[in-house]
Amino acid sequence: MCDEDTAQETEIHLQQKDASGLSRRKFTTLGAGAVLSAVLPQAANAVAVDEHEVTVPTPDGPADCYFVHPSSGRHAGVLIWPDILGLRPAFRLMGKRLAESGYAVLVVNPYFRSSKAPVVNPGDSFRTPEVRNKVLPFARQLSATTHTSDAKAFVTWIDKQKAVNRKRKIGTMGYCMGGPIVMRTAAAVPRRIGAAASFHGGGLVTDKPDSPHLLIPEMKASFLIAIAANDDERDPKAKDVLRKTYDKNRLAAEIEVYDGAMHGWCPPDSAVYNQAQAERAWNRLHALFDKALA
């Protein structure tokens, strides 16, 4: 998960290699949407979609979210948990791209208790102390309890939408701090969650009693766990614990370390965005959803 060490590793990596070229100047000059659209490939055979700003009721108050779905028909629902920088243009575009492939997608603001989205400006980076000081207090207000409560509320809302086919299972995906939330979502609503994916998720395996991996026996979903190379270097045993636990519970799980990919490599506005590995992870997500949500 993002912390001071992650920020330092990112800084060292960028000093060695210009990882993305997505500078604040580019965001300011061209606009976030234009920059990200140029970086993020469009879905193959993209369908027309409808986009909505929505408010989802939760036990802790209304959550502002982004809902996007094909303009016609009913489709499998997908719940997206953003990384530590929250709901912003990059994740709206990622949600839209997935919807263009035939899914009804809800991208949530995980910080709705504290602030409406977005909580950062286009081009802001977790590498800067100002941004870290802003988002870390929001992230620290979340817990295993809020993750579970929010998951149930968001899944309930998704199932009430006309664009959603309730005969199909729901998929969920999360990035960075969203990884543990994905696992807790799969355990909180096992009857509905059929596929789940974690991209550079942090804290999937811990020594605490609320470690997400301890919930695997309660899940029924197939999983994709895409691990950043530097996250694996920090905790090389985590992937082995996950493999052993999924196998023991007879759950399908694709668990892989993405060589050369730094923590945060998937969102297109990330300082360490790695397009080749991000596209590979995206394609594996589609393979999972195509099979598990059919």
Protein backbone atom coordinates (compact mmCIF):
# COMPACT_ATOMS: atom_id res chain seq x y z
CA MET A 1 0.00 0.00 0.00
CA CYS A 2 1.17 3.57 -0.59
CA ASP A 3 3.36 4.93 2.19
CA GLU A 4 6.55 6.96 2.64
CA ASP A 5 8.68 4.04 1.45
CA THR A 6 6.61 3.69 -1.71
CA ALA A 7 7.00 7.39 -2.45
CA GLN A 8 10.77 7.15 -1.99
CA GLU A 9 11.01 4.07 -4.21
CA THR A 10 9.02 5.87 -6.90
CA GLU A 11 11.31 8.89 -6.73
CA ILE A 12 14.40 6.74 -7.13
CA HIS A 13 12.81 4.88 -10.03
CA LEU A 14 11.91 8.11 -11.82
CA GLN A 15 15.41 9.46 -11.38
CA GLN A 16 16.68 6.37 -13.18
CA LYS A 17 14.03 6.34 -15.89
CA ASP A 18 11.34 8.64 -17.19
CA ALA A 19 8.50 6.19 -16.53
CA SER A 20 5.48 8.01 -17.93
CA GLY A 21 6.04 11.54 -19.11
CA LEU A 22 2.71 12.54 -17.52
CA SER A 23 3.98 15.77 -16.00
CA ARG A 24 1.84 18.32 -14.16
CA ARG A 25 2.62 20.72 -17.02
CA LYS A 26 1.01 18.35 -19.53
CA PHE A 27 -2.09 17.99 -17.36
CA THR A 28 -2.34 21.77 -16.91
CA THR A 29 -1.72 22.66 -20.55
CA LEU A 30 -3.84 20.02 -22.27
CA GLY A 31 -6.28 19.08 -19.53
CA ALA A 32 -6.43 15.81 -17.66
CA GLY A 33 -9.02 14.25 -19.95
CA ALA A 34 -7.05 14.93 -23.12
CA VAL A 35 -3.80 13.58 -21.70
CA LEU A 36 -5.36 10.43 -20.25
CA SER A 37 -7.45 9.70 -23.34
CA ALA A 38 -4.28 9.84 -25.42
CA VAL A 39 -2.54 7.37 -23.10
CA LEU A 40 -5.37 4.92 -22.42
CA PRO A 41 -6.33 2.77 -25.43
CA GLN A 42 -10.01 2.59 -26.33
CA ALA A 43 -11.86 -0.67 -25.84
CA ALA A 44 -11.95 -2.94 -28.86
CA ASN A 45 -15.41 -2.93 -30.48
CA ALA A 46 -16.47 -0.22 -28.02
CA VAL A 47 -20.22 0.21 -27.52
CA ALA A 48 -22.00 3.49 -26.81
CA VAL A 49 -22.34 4.21 -23.09
CA ASP A 50 -24.31 6.44 -20.75
CA GLU A 51 -22.52 8.21 -17.91
CA HIS A 52 -24.03 9.41 -14.63
CA GLU A 53 -22.96 11.16 -11.45
CA VAL A 54 -24.83 9.22 -8.78
CA THR A 55 -25.35 9.27 -5.04
CA VAL A 56 -25.36 5.90 -3.29
CA PRO A 57 -26.89 5.60 0.20
CA THR A 58 -24.69 3.92 2.80
CA PRO A 59 -24.99 3.45 6.57
CA ASP A 60 -22.49 6.31 6.98
CA GLY A 61 -24.15 8.76 4.61
CA PRO A 62 -24.43 9.42 0.87
CA ALA A 63 -21.49 8.44 -1.34
CA ASP A 64 -20.80 10.35 -4.54
CA CYS A 65 -19.89 7.91 -7.32
CA TYR A 66 -19.59 7.58 -11.09
CA PHE A 67 -21.84 5.08 -12.91
CA VAL A 68 -21.31 4.22 -16.57
CA HIS A 69 -22.96 1.47 -18.62
CA PRO A 70 -23.84 0.49 -22.20
CA SER A 71 -26.67 2.59 -23.60
CA SER A 72 -28.87 -0.44 -24.16
CA GLY A 73 -29.45 -3.83 -22.59
CA ARG A 74 -28.64 -5.33 -19.19
CA HIS A 75 -25.11 -6.27 -18.23
CA ALA A 76 -22.94 -7.72 -15.50
CA GLY A 77 -22.18 -5.13 -12.82
CA VAL A 78 -18.66 -4.16 -11.80
CA LEU A 79 -17.55 -2.29 -8.68
CA ILE A 80 -14.24 -0.37 -8.88
CA TRP A 81 -12.27 0.70 -5.81
CA PRO A 82 -9.70 3.43 -6.70
CA ASP A 83 -6.22 3.76 -5.28
CA ILE A 84 -5.19 6.11 -2.48
CA LEU A 85 -5.73 9.24 -4.60
CA GLY A 86 -9.41 8.40 -4.93
CA LEU A 87 -12.03 8.92 -7.62
CA ARG A 88 -10.64 11.22 -10.33
CA PRO A 89 -10.48 11.54 -14.15
CA ALA A 90 -8.14 8.56 -14.58
CA PHE A 91 -10.55 6.20 -12.85
CA ARG A 92 -13.57 7.63 -14.65
CA LEU A 93 -11.87 6.85 -17.94
CA MET A 94 -10.93 3.37 -16.76
CA GLY A 95 -14.53 2.77 -15.72
CA LYS A 96 -15.80 4.08 -19.05
CA ARG A 97 -13.38 1.88 -20.97
CA LEU A 98 -14.67 -1.17 -19.14
CA ALA A 99 -18.28 -0.14 -19.74
CA GLU A 100 -17.54 0.16 -23.47
CA SER A 101 -16.72 -3.55 -23.33
CA GLY A 102 -20.20 -4.36 -22.04
CA TYR A 103 -20.26 -3.90 -18.26
CA ALA A 104 -22.29 -1.68 -15.94
CA VAL A 105 -19.58 -0.04 -13.86
CA LEU A 106 -19.75 1.83 -10.54
CA VAL A 107 -16.56 3.71 -9.60
CA VAL A 108 -16.77 4.83 -6.00
CA ASN A 109 -15.40 7.70 -3.95
CA PRO A 110 -13.87 5.80 -1.02
CA TYR A 111 -13.51 9.06 0.93
CA PHE A 112 -17.16 10.11 0.84
CA ARG A 113 -17.21 10.38 4.64
CA SER A 114 -14.57 13.12 4.47
CA SER A 115 -14.87 14.87 1.10
CA LYS A 116 -16.55 14.77 -2.28
CA ALA A 117 -14.41 13.63 -5.19
CA PRO A 118 -11.91 14.54 -6.45
CA VAL A 119 -9.68 15.06 -3.42
CA VAL A 120 -6.58 15.77 -5.55
CA ASN A 121 -5.89 18.02 -8.54
CA PRO A 122 -5.00 16.69 -12.01
CA GLY A 123 -1.31 15.85 -12.08
CA ASP A 124 -0.96 15.58 -8.30
CA SER A 125 1.36 12.80 -7.21
CA PHE A 126 1.63 10.79 -4.02
CA ARG A 127 5.36 11.49 -4.25
CA THR A 128 4.83 15.03 -2.93
CA PRO A 129 4.50 15.57 0.83
CA GLU A 130 1.56 17.96 0.34
CA VAL A 131 -0.50 15.30 -1.43
CA ARG A 132 0.46 12.57 1.04
CA ASN A 133 -0.48 14.81 3.96
CA LYS A 134 -3.87 15.39 2.36
CA VAL A 135 -4.89 11.85 1.43
CA LEU A 136 -3.32 9.74 4.17
CA PRO A 137 -5.70 11.04 6.88
CA PHE A 138 -8.64 10.13 4.62
CA ALA A 139 -7.24 6.64 4.03
CA ARG A 140 -6.59 6.08 7.73
CA GLN A 141 -10.25 6.72 8.53
CA LEU A 142 -11.13 3.56 6.61
CA SER A 143 -11.03 0.11 8.16
CA ALA A 144 -12.07 -3.48 7.68
CA THR A 145 -15.44 -2.47 9.14
CA THR A 146 -16.01 0.42 6.71
CA HIS A 147 -14.78 -1.70 3.79
CA THR A 148 -17.37 -4.36 4.52
CA SER A 149 -20.19 -1.91 5.19
CA ASP A 150 -19.46 0.04 2.00
CA ALA A 151 -19.17 -3.12 -0.09
CA LYS A 152 -22.63 -4.29 0.93
CA ALA A 153 -24.15 -0.87 0.25
CA PHE A 154 -22.55 -0.51 -3.19
CA VAL A 155 -23.46 -4.04 -4.28
CA THR A 156 -27.04 -3.50 -3.14
CA TRP A 157 -27.21 -0.29 -5.20
CA ILE A 158 -25.73 -1.95 -8.29
CA ASP A 159 -28.33 -4.72 -8.16
CA LYS A 160 -31.16 -2.16 -8.26
CA GLN A 161 -30.05 -0.56 -11.54
CA LYS A 162 -31.97 -1.21 -14.76
CA ALA A 163 -28.72 -1.56 -16.70
CA VAL A 164 -27.62 -4.49 -14.52
CA ASN A 165 -28.43 -8.12 -15.25
CA ARG A 166 -28.92 -9.71 -11.83
CA LYS A 167 -28.73 -13.19 -13.34
CA ARG A 168 -25.02 -12.55 -13.85
CA LYS A 169 -22.48 -12.31 -11.04
CA ILE A 170 -20.83 -8.99 -10.13
CA GLY A 171 -17.15 -8.30 -10.63
CA THR A 172 -14.99 -6.07 -8.44
CA MET A 173 -11.52 -4.62 -8.93
CA GLY A 174 -9.25 -2.47 -6.80
CA TYR A 175 -5.92 -0.68 -6.97
CA CYS A 176 -3.39 -0.04 -4.18
CA MET A 177 -5.52 0.33 -1.03
CA GLY A 178 -8.42 -0.98 -3.13
CA GLY A 179 -6.84 -4.44 -3.17
CA PRO A 180 -7.76 -5.31 0.42
CA ILE A 181 -11.20 -3.79 -0.11
CA VAL A 182 -11.76 -6.09 -3.09
CA MET A 183 -11.01 -9.11 -0.93
CA ARG A 184 -13.34 -7.90 1.80
CA THR A 185 -16.02 -7.23 -0.81
CA ALA A 186 -15.76 -10.79 -2.10
CA ALA A 187 -16.15 -12.08 1.47
CA ALA A 188 -18.92 -9.66 2.43
CA VAL A 189 -21.22 -10.53 -0.50
CA PRO A 190 -20.07 -13.98 -1.67
CA ARG A 191 -23.44 -14.78 -3.22
CA ARG A 192 -23.05 -11.93 -5.72
CA ILE A 193 -19.31 -11.46 -6.28
CA GLY A 194 -18.15 -13.88 -8.98
CA ALA A 195 -14.82 -12.32 -9.95
CA ALA A 196 -12.35 -10.05 -8.19
CA ALA A 197 -9.07 -8.44 -9.17
CA SER A 198 -6.36 -6.67 -7.16
CA PHE A 199 -3.77 -4.53 -8.94
CA HIS A 200 -0.69 -3.59 -6.90
CA GLY A 201 -2.85 -4.12 -3.83
CA GLY A 202 -1.16 -3.50 -0.50
CA GLY A 203 -1.74 -5.36 2.75
CA LEU A 204 -3.44 -8.44 1.29
CA VAL A 205 -1.51 -10.58 3.76
CA THR A 206 -0.68 -9.25 7.21
CA ASP A 207 -0.10 -10.66 10.69
CA LYS A 208 -3.20 -8.91 12.05
CA PRO A 209 -6.46 -10.68 12.93
CA ASP A 210 -8.30 -8.70 10.22
CA SER A 211 -5.86 -9.61 7.43
CA PRO A 212 -7.81 -9.86 4.15
CA HIS A 213 -6.34 -13.25 3.27
CA LEU A 214 -8.01 -14.80 6.31
CA LEU A 215 -11.38 -14.15 4.63
CA ILE A 216 -10.64 -16.37 1.64
CA PRO A 217 -12.65 -19.31 3.10
CA GLU A 218 -15.73 -17.05 2.99
CA MET A 219 -15.31 -16.17 -0.72
CA LYS A 220 -16.70 -17.81 -3.84
CA ALA A 221 -15.11 -15.53 -6.47
CA SER A 222 -12.36 -16.29 -8.95
CA PHE A 223 -9.38 -13.98 -8.47
CA LEU A 224 -6.70 -12.10 -10.35
CA ILE A 225 -3.91 -10.74 -8.16
CA ALA A 226 -1.39 -8.66 -10.09
CA ILE A 227 1.61 -7.78 -7.92
CA ALA A 228 4.11 -4.95 -8.42
CA ALA A 229 7.75 -6.03 -8.58
CA ASN A 230 8.82 -3.72 -5.75
CA ASP A 231 5.90 -4.83 -3.56
CA ASP A 232 7.04 -8.41 -4.05
CA GLU A 233 10.60 -7.45 -3.12
CA ARG A 234 9.32 -6.00 0.14
CA ASP A 235 7.15 -8.98 1.02
CA PRO A 236 8.09 -12.00 -1.14
CA LYS A 237 6.20 -14.48 1.06
CA ALA A 238 2.79 -12.84 0.59
CA LYS A 239 2.16 -14.38 -2.83
CA ASP A 240 2.99 -17.84 -1.50
CA VAL A 241 0.56 -17.44 1.40
CA LEU A 242 -2.13 -16.34 -1.04
CA ARG A 243 -1.51 -19.26 -3.41
CA LYS A 244 -1.60 -21.77 -0.58
CA THR A 245 -4.78 -20.30 0.90
CA TYR A 246 -6.66 -20.11 -2.40
CA ASP A 247 -5.62 -23.66 -3.29
CA LYS A 248 -6.67 -24.95 0.13
CA ASN A 249 -10.12 -23.41 -0.40
CA ARG A 250 -10.34 -24.59 -4.02
CA LEU A 251 -10.77 -21.11 -5.44
CA ALA A 252 -9.34 -20.19 -8.83
CA ALA A 253 -6.69 -17.50 -8.49
CA GLU A 254 -4.17 -16.13 -10.98
CA ILE A 255 -1.36 -14.66 -8.89
CA GLU A 256 1.57 -13.08 -10.68
CA VAL A 257 4.39 -10.62 -10.12
CA TYR A 258 4.60 -8.17 -13.04
CA ASP A 259 8.29 -7.80 -13.86
CA GLY A 260 9.53 -4.23 -14.01
CA ALA A 261 6.19 -2.83 -12.83
CA MET A 262 6.33 -0.50 -9.83
CA HIS A 263 3.60 -0.07 -7.23
CA GLY A 264 0.95 2.05 -8.98
CA TRP A 265 1.77 0.98 -12.54
CA CYS A 266 -1.84 0.58 -13.76
CA PRO A 267 -3.67 3.96 -13.54
CA PRO A 268 -2.74 6.10 -16.57
CA ASP A 269 -2.10 9.20 -14.45
CA SER A 270 0.45 7.42 -12.25
CA ALA A 271 4.05 8.64 -12.25
CA VAL A 272 5.12 5.01 -12.76
CA TYR A 273 2.45 4.08 -15.32
CA ASN A 274 3.76 1.17 -17.40
CA GLN A 275 1.54 0.93 -20.45
CA ALA A 276 2.73 -2.47 -21.64
CA GLN A 277 2.25 -4.12 -18.25
CA ALA A 278 -0.94 -2.17 -17.55
CA GLU A 279 -2.43 -3.46 -20.81
CA ARG A 280 -1.35 -6.96 -19.95
CA ALA A 281 -3.09 -6.70 -16.59
CA TRP A 282 -6.19 -5.22 -18.28
CA ASN A 283 -6.31 -8.12 -20.73
CA ARG A 284 -6.06 -10.62 -17.88
CA LEU A 285 -8.94 -8.80 -16.18
CA HIS A 286 -11.06 -9.22 -19.29
CA ALA A 287 -10.21 -12.91 -19.45
CA LEU A 288 -11.32 -13.29 -15.83
CA PHE A 289 -14.55 -11.34 -16.26
CA ASP A 290 -15.40 -13.05 -19.57
CA LYS A 291 -15.21 -16.43 -17.85
CA ALA A 292 -16.46 -15.77 -14.33
CA LEU A 293 -19.25 -13.29 -15.09
CA ALA A 294 -20.67 -15.01 -18.14
